[in-house]
Amino acid sequence: FLYQQALRRAYAQHDRSLDMHVSHIRRKLLAVGYEAARVDTVWGKGYVLVRAGA
């Protein structure tokens, strides 16, 4: 669902585009010093925003 909503195309198993977008988001959050939360991968499900210290 996230793949289709974010990329506006049908799911492709070996397409790493969404992973790259999340990687860029993580990098940008670190660059601005955002430490209140992090984006974690939930294997087989997607991503979750986790508060620091949790």
PDB file of N, CA and C in Angstrom:
ATOM      1  N   PHE A   1       0.815  -1.201   0.000  1.00  0.00           N
ATOM      2  CA  PHE A   1       0.000   0.000   0.000  1.00  0.00           C
ATOM      3  C   PHE A   1       0.857   1.264   0.000  1.00  0.00           C
ATOM      4  N   LEU A   2       1.837   1.336   0.889  1.00  0.00           N
ATOM      5  CA  LEU A   2       2.709   2.510   0.954  1.00  0.00           C
ATOM      6  C   LEU A   2       3.439   2.707  -0.371  1.00  0.00           C
ATOM      7  N   TYR A   3       3.942   1.620  -0.931  1.00  0.00           N
ATOM      8  CA  TYR A   3       4.646   1.660  -2.208  1.00  0.00           C
ATOM      9  C   TYR A   3       3.755   2.289  -3.279  1.00  0.00           C
ATOM     10  N   GLN A   4       2.535   1.796  -3.379  1.00  0.00           N
ATOM     11  CA  GLN A   4       1.622   2.281  -4.414  1.00  0.00           C
ATOM     12  C   GLN A   4       1.214   3.731  -4.183  1.00  0.00           C
ATOM     13  N   GLN A   5       1.020   4.118  -2.923  1.00  0.00           N
ATOM     14  CA  GLN A   5       0.639   5.496  -2.620  1.00  0.00           C
ATOM     15  C   GLN A   5       1.790   6.472  -2.850  1.00  0.00           C
ATOM     16  N   ALA A   6       2.977   6.097  -2.433  1.00  0.00           N
ATOM     17  CA  ALA A   6       4.130   6.997  -2.538  1.00  0.00           C
ATOM     18  C   ALA A   6       4.649   7.119  -3.966  1.00  0.00           C
ATOM     19  N   LEU A   7       4.676   6.004  -4.680  1.00  0.00           N
ATOM     20  CA  LEU A   7       5.290   6.002  -6.008  1.00  0.00           C
ATOM     21  C   LEU A   7       4.289   6.056  -7.151  1.00  0.00           C
ATOM     22  N   ARG A   8       3.010   5.895  -6.819  1.00  0.00           N
ATOM     23  CA  ARG A   8       1.934   5.977  -7.822  1.00  0.00           C
ATOM     24  C   ARG A   8       2.110   4.974  -8.964  1.00  0.00           C
ATOM     25  N   ARG A   9       2.496   3.740  -8.602  1.00  0.00           N
ATOM     26  CA  ARG A   9       2.607   2.683  -9.608  1.00  0.00           C
ATOM     27  C   ARG A   9       2.433   1.329  -8.928  1.00  0.00           C
ATOM     28  N   ALA A  10       2.250   0.308  -9.727  1.00  0.00           N
ATOM     29  CA  ALA A  10       2.042  -1.039  -9.196  1.00  0.00           C
ATOM     30  C   ALA A  10       3.299  -1.534  -8.485  1.00  0.00           C
ATOM     31  N   TYR A  11       3.085  -2.372  -7.480  1.00  0.00           N
ATOM     32  CA  TYR A  11       4.191  -2.930  -6.698  1.00  0.00           C
ATOM     33  C   TYR A  11       5.078  -3.816  -7.562  1.00  0.00           C
ATOM     34  N   ALA A  12       6.380  -3.654  -7.427  1.00  0.00           N
ATOM     35  CA  ALA A  12       7.372  -4.493  -8.099  1.00  0.00           C
ATOM     36  C   ALA A  12       8.324  -5.006  -7.020  1.00  0.00           C
ATOM     37  N   GLN A  13       8.415  -6.306  -6.877  1.00  0.00           N
ATOM     38  CA  GLN A  13       9.139  -6.926  -5.773  1.00  0.00           C
ATOM     39  C   GLN A  13      10.589  -6.474  -5.638  1.00  0.00           C
ATOM     40  N   HIS A  14      11.281  -6.289  -6.742  1.00  0.00           N
ATOM     41  CA  HIS A  14      12.714  -5.986  -6.679  1.00  0.00           C
ATOM     42  C   HIS A  14      13.032  -4.503  -6.860  1.00  0.00           C
ATOM     43  N   ASP A  15      12.013  -3.669  -6.890  1.00  0.00           N
ATOM     44  CA  ASP A  15      12.210  -2.225  -7.029  1.00  0.00           C
ATOM     45  C   ASP A  15      12.593  -1.647  -5.670  1.00  0.00           C
ATOM     46  N   ARG A  16      13.717  -0.973  -5.599  1.00  0.00           N
ATOM     47  CA  ARG A  16      14.222  -0.416  -4.337  1.00  0.00           C
ATOM     48  C   ARG A  16      13.930   1.081  -4.203  1.00  0.00           C
ATOM     49  N   SER A  17      13.063   1.610  -5.043  1.00  0.00           N
ATOM     50  CA  SER A  17      12.785   3.050  -5.034  1.00  0.00           C
ATOM     51  C   SER A  17      12.281   3.552  -3.692  1.00  0.00           C
ATOM     52  N   LEU A  18      11.335   2.851  -3.089  1.00  0.00           N
ATOM     53  CA  LEU A  18      10.804   3.288  -1.803  1.00  0.00           C
ATOM     54  C   LEU A  18      11.887   3.245  -0.731  1.00  0.00           C
ATOM     55  N   ASP A  19      12.716   2.210  -0.761  1.00  0.00           N
ATOM     56  CA  ASP A  19      13.828   2.116   0.192  1.00  0.00           C
ATOM     57  C   ASP A  19      14.761   3.314   0.060  1.00  0.00           C
ATOM     58  N   MET A  20      15.005   3.724  -1.170  1.00  0.00           N
ATOM     59  CA  MET A  20      15.878   4.875  -1.397  1.00  0.00           C
ATOM     60  C   MET A  20      15.237   6.161  -0.879  1.00  0.00           C
ATOM     61  N   HIS A  21      13.936   6.326  -1.080  1.00  0.00           N
ATOM     62  CA  HIS A  21      13.242   7.507  -0.556  1.00  0.00           C
ATOM     63  C   HIS A  21      13.347   7.566   0.969  1.00  0.00           C
ATOM     64  N   VAL A  22      13.125   6.436   1.620  1.00  0.00           N
ATOM     65  CA  VAL A  22      13.212   6.390   3.081  1.00  0.00           C
ATOM     66  C   VAL A  22      14.644   6.679   3.532  1.00  0.00           C
ATOM     67  N   SER A  23      15.618   6.150   2.807  1.00  0.00           N
ATOM     68  CA  SER A  23      17.017   6.419   3.122  1.00  0.00           C
ATOM     69  C   SER A  23      17.311   7.918   3.059  1.00  0.00           C
ATOM     70  N   HIS A  24      16.789   8.590   2.043  1.00  0.00           N
ATOM     71  CA  HIS A  24      16.993  10.034   1.910  1.00  0.00           C
ATOM     72  C   HIS A  24      16.298  10.795   3.038  1.00  0.00           C
ATOM     73  N   ILE A  25      15.117  10.352   3.424  1.00  0.00           N
ATOM     74  CA  ILE A  25      14.411  10.986   4.542  1.00  0.00           C
ATOM     75  C   ILE A  25      15.231  10.847   5.818  1.00  0.00           C
ATOM     76  N   ARG A  26      15.762   9.652   6.057  1.00  0.00           N
ATOM     77  CA  ARG A  26      16.598   9.434   7.250  1.00  0.00           C
ATOM     78  C   ARG A  26      17.798  10.374   7.251  1.00  0.00           C
ATOM     79  N   ARG A  27      18.459  10.487   6.100  1.00  0.00           N
ATOM     80  CA  ARG A  27      19.635  11.352   5.984  1.00  0.00           C
ATOM     81  C   ARG A  27      19.284  12.817   6.242  1.00  0.00           C
ATOM     82  N   LYS A  28      18.158  13.253   5.693  1.00  0.00           N
ATOM     83  CA  LYS A  28      17.737  14.644   5.878  1.00  0.00           C
ATOM     84  C   LYS A  28      17.394  14.932   7.336  1.00  0.00           C
ATOM     85  N   LEU A  29      16.751  13.984   8.002  1.00  0.00           N
ATOM     86  CA  LEU A  29      16.433  14.166   9.420  1.00  0.00           C
ATOM     87  C   LEU A  29      17.704  14.296  10.250  1.00  0.00           C
ATOM     88  N   LEU A  30      18.691  13.466   9.956  1.00  0.00           N
ATOM     89  CA  LEU A  30      19.969  13.553  10.668  1.00  0.00           C
ATOM     90  C   LEU A  30      20.685  14.872  10.381  1.00  0.00           C
ATOM     91  N   ALA A  31      20.611  15.329   9.134  1.00  0.00           N
ATOM     92  CA  ALA A  31      21.305  16.555   8.730  1.00  0.00           C
ATOM     93  C   ALA A  31      20.786  17.787   9.466  1.00  0.00           C
ATOM     94  N   VAL A  32      19.501  17.792   9.789  1.00  0.00           N
ATOM     95  CA  VAL A  32      18.940  18.948  10.501  1.00  0.00           C
ATOM     96  C   VAL A  32      18.942  18.742  12.009  1.00  0.00           C
ATOM     97  N   GLY A  33      19.532  17.633  12.448  1.00  0.00           N
ATOM     98  CA  GLY A  33      19.659  17.385  13.878  1.00  0.00           C
ATOM     99  C   GLY A  33      18.409  16.858  14.545  1.00  0.00           C
ATOM    100  N   TYR A  34      17.503  16.295  13.768  1.00  0.00           N
ATOM    101  CA  TYR A  34      16.259  15.755  14.336  1.00  0.00           C
ATOM    102  C   TYR A  34      16.560  14.454  15.057  1.00  0.00           C
ATOM    103  N   GLU A  35      16.422  14.479  16.372  1.00  0.00           N
ATOM    104  CA  GLU A  35      16.739  13.301  17.175  1.00  0.00           C
ATOM    105  C   GLU A  35      15.556  12.825  18.014  1.00  0.00           C
ATOM    106  N   ALA A  36      14.377  13.421  17.824  1.00  0.00           N
ATOM    107  CA  ALA A  36      13.214  13.050  18.622  1.00  0.00           C
ATOM    108  C   ALA A  36      12.676  11.673  18.240  1.00  0.00           C
ATOM    109  N   ALA A  37      12.974  11.243  17.023  1.00  0.00           N
ATOM    110  CA  ALA A  37      12.488   9.942  16.556  1.00  0.00           C
ATOM    111  C   ALA A  37      13.354   9.462  15.405  1.00  0.00           C
ATOM    112  N   ARG A  38      13.171   8.184  15.062  1.00  0.00           N
ATOM    113  CA  ARG A  38      13.894   7.630  13.919  1.00  0.00           C
ATOM    114  C   ARG A  38      12.928   6.773  13.104  1.00  0.00           C
ATOM    115  N   VAL A  39      13.261   6.542  11.846  1.00  0.00           N
ATOM    116  CA  VAL A  39      12.450   5.706  10.970  1.00  0.00           C
ATOM    117  C   VAL A  39      13.079   4.318  10.947  1.00  0.00           C
ATOM    118  N   ASP A  40      12.349   3.337  11.449  1.00  0.00           N
ATOM    119  CA  ASP A  40      12.830   1.955  11.463  1.00  0.00           C
ATOM    120  C   ASP A  40      12.099   1.135  10.409  1.00  0.00           C
ATOM    121  N   THR A  41      12.792   0.134   9.890  1.00  0.00           N
ATOM    122  CA  THR A  41      12.196  -0.800   8.950  1.00  0.00           C
ATOM    123  C   THR A  41      11.560  -1.945   9.717  1.00  0.00           C
ATOM    124  N   VAL A  42      10.333  -2.273   9.360  1.00  0.00           N
ATOM    125  CA  VAL A  42       9.647  -3.445   9.907  1.00  0.00           C
ATOM    126  C   VAL A  42       9.594  -4.442   8.763  1.00  0.00           C
ATOM    127  N   TRP A  43      10.478  -5.433   8.819  1.00  0.00           N
ATOM    128  CA  TRP A  43      10.651  -6.362   7.713  1.00  0.00           C
ATOM    129  C   TRP A  43       9.327  -7.018   7.333  1.00  0.00           C
ATOM    130  N   GLY A  44       9.033  -6.996   6.043  1.00  0.00           N
ATOM    131  CA  GLY A  44       7.816  -7.612   5.530  1.00  0.00           C
ATOM    132  C   GLY A  44       6.560  -6.781   5.717  1.00  0.00           C
ATOM    133  N   LYS A  45       6.684  -5.631   6.383  1.00  0.00           N
ATOM    134  CA  LYS A  45       5.512  -4.789   6.663  1.00  0.00           C
ATOM    135  C   LYS A  45       5.656  -3.371   6.132  1.00  0.00           C
ATOM    136  N   GLY A  46       6.782  -2.722   6.439  1.00  0.00           N
ATOM    137  CA  GLY A  46       6.960  -1.338   6.029  1.00  0.00           C
ATOM    138  C   GLY A  46       7.891  -0.591   6.958  1.00  0.00           C
ATOM    139  N   TYR A  47       7.464   0.590   7.392  1.00  0.00           N
ATOM    140  CA  TYR A  47       8.300   1.450   8.218  1.00  0.00           C
ATOM    141  C   TYR A  47       7.497   1.962   9.397  1.00  0.00           C
ATOM    142  N   VAL A  48       8.217   2.334  10.445  1.00  0.00           N
ATOM    143  CA  VAL A  48       7.569   2.885  11.632  1.00  0.00           C
ATOM    144  C   VAL A  48       8.445   4.008  12.181  1.00  0.00           C
ATOM    145  N   LEU A  49       7.802   5.062  12.661  1.00  0.00           N
ATOM    146  CA  LEU A  49       8.509   6.165  13.297  1.00  0.00           C
ATOM    147  C   LEU A  49       8.573   5.857  14.785  1.00  0.00           C
ATOM    148  N   VAL A  50       9.792   5.722  15.310  1.00  0.00           N
ATOM    149  CA  VAL A  50      10.003   5.322  16.703  1.00  0.00           C
ATOM    150  C   VAL A  50      10.599   6.494  17.468  1.00  0.00           C
ATOM    151  N   ARG A  51      10.004   6.816  18.602  1.00  0.00           N
ATOM    152  CA  ARG A  51      10.539   7.885  19.444  1.00  0.00           C
ATOM    153  C   ARG A  51      11.890   7.492  20.007  1.00  0.00           C
ATOM    154  N   ALA A  52      12.767   8.458  20.134  1.00  0.00           N
ATOM    155  CA  ALA A  52      14.093   8.214  20.712  1.00  0.00           C
ATOM    156  C   ALA A  52      13.933   7.717  22.143  1.00  0.00           C
ATOM    157  N   GLY A  53      14.743   6.728  22.498  1.00  0.00           N
ATOM    158  CA  GLY A  53      14.687   6.170  23.835  1.00  0.00           C
ATOM    159  C   GLY A  53      13.645   5.084  24.011  1.00  0.00           C
ATOM    160  N   ALA A  54      12.910   4.784  22.951  1.00  0.00           N
ATOM    161  CA  ALA A  54      11.862   3.744  23.046  1.00  0.00           C
ATOM    162  C   ALA A  54      12.416   2.375  22.698  1.00  0.00           C
TER     163      ALA A  54
END
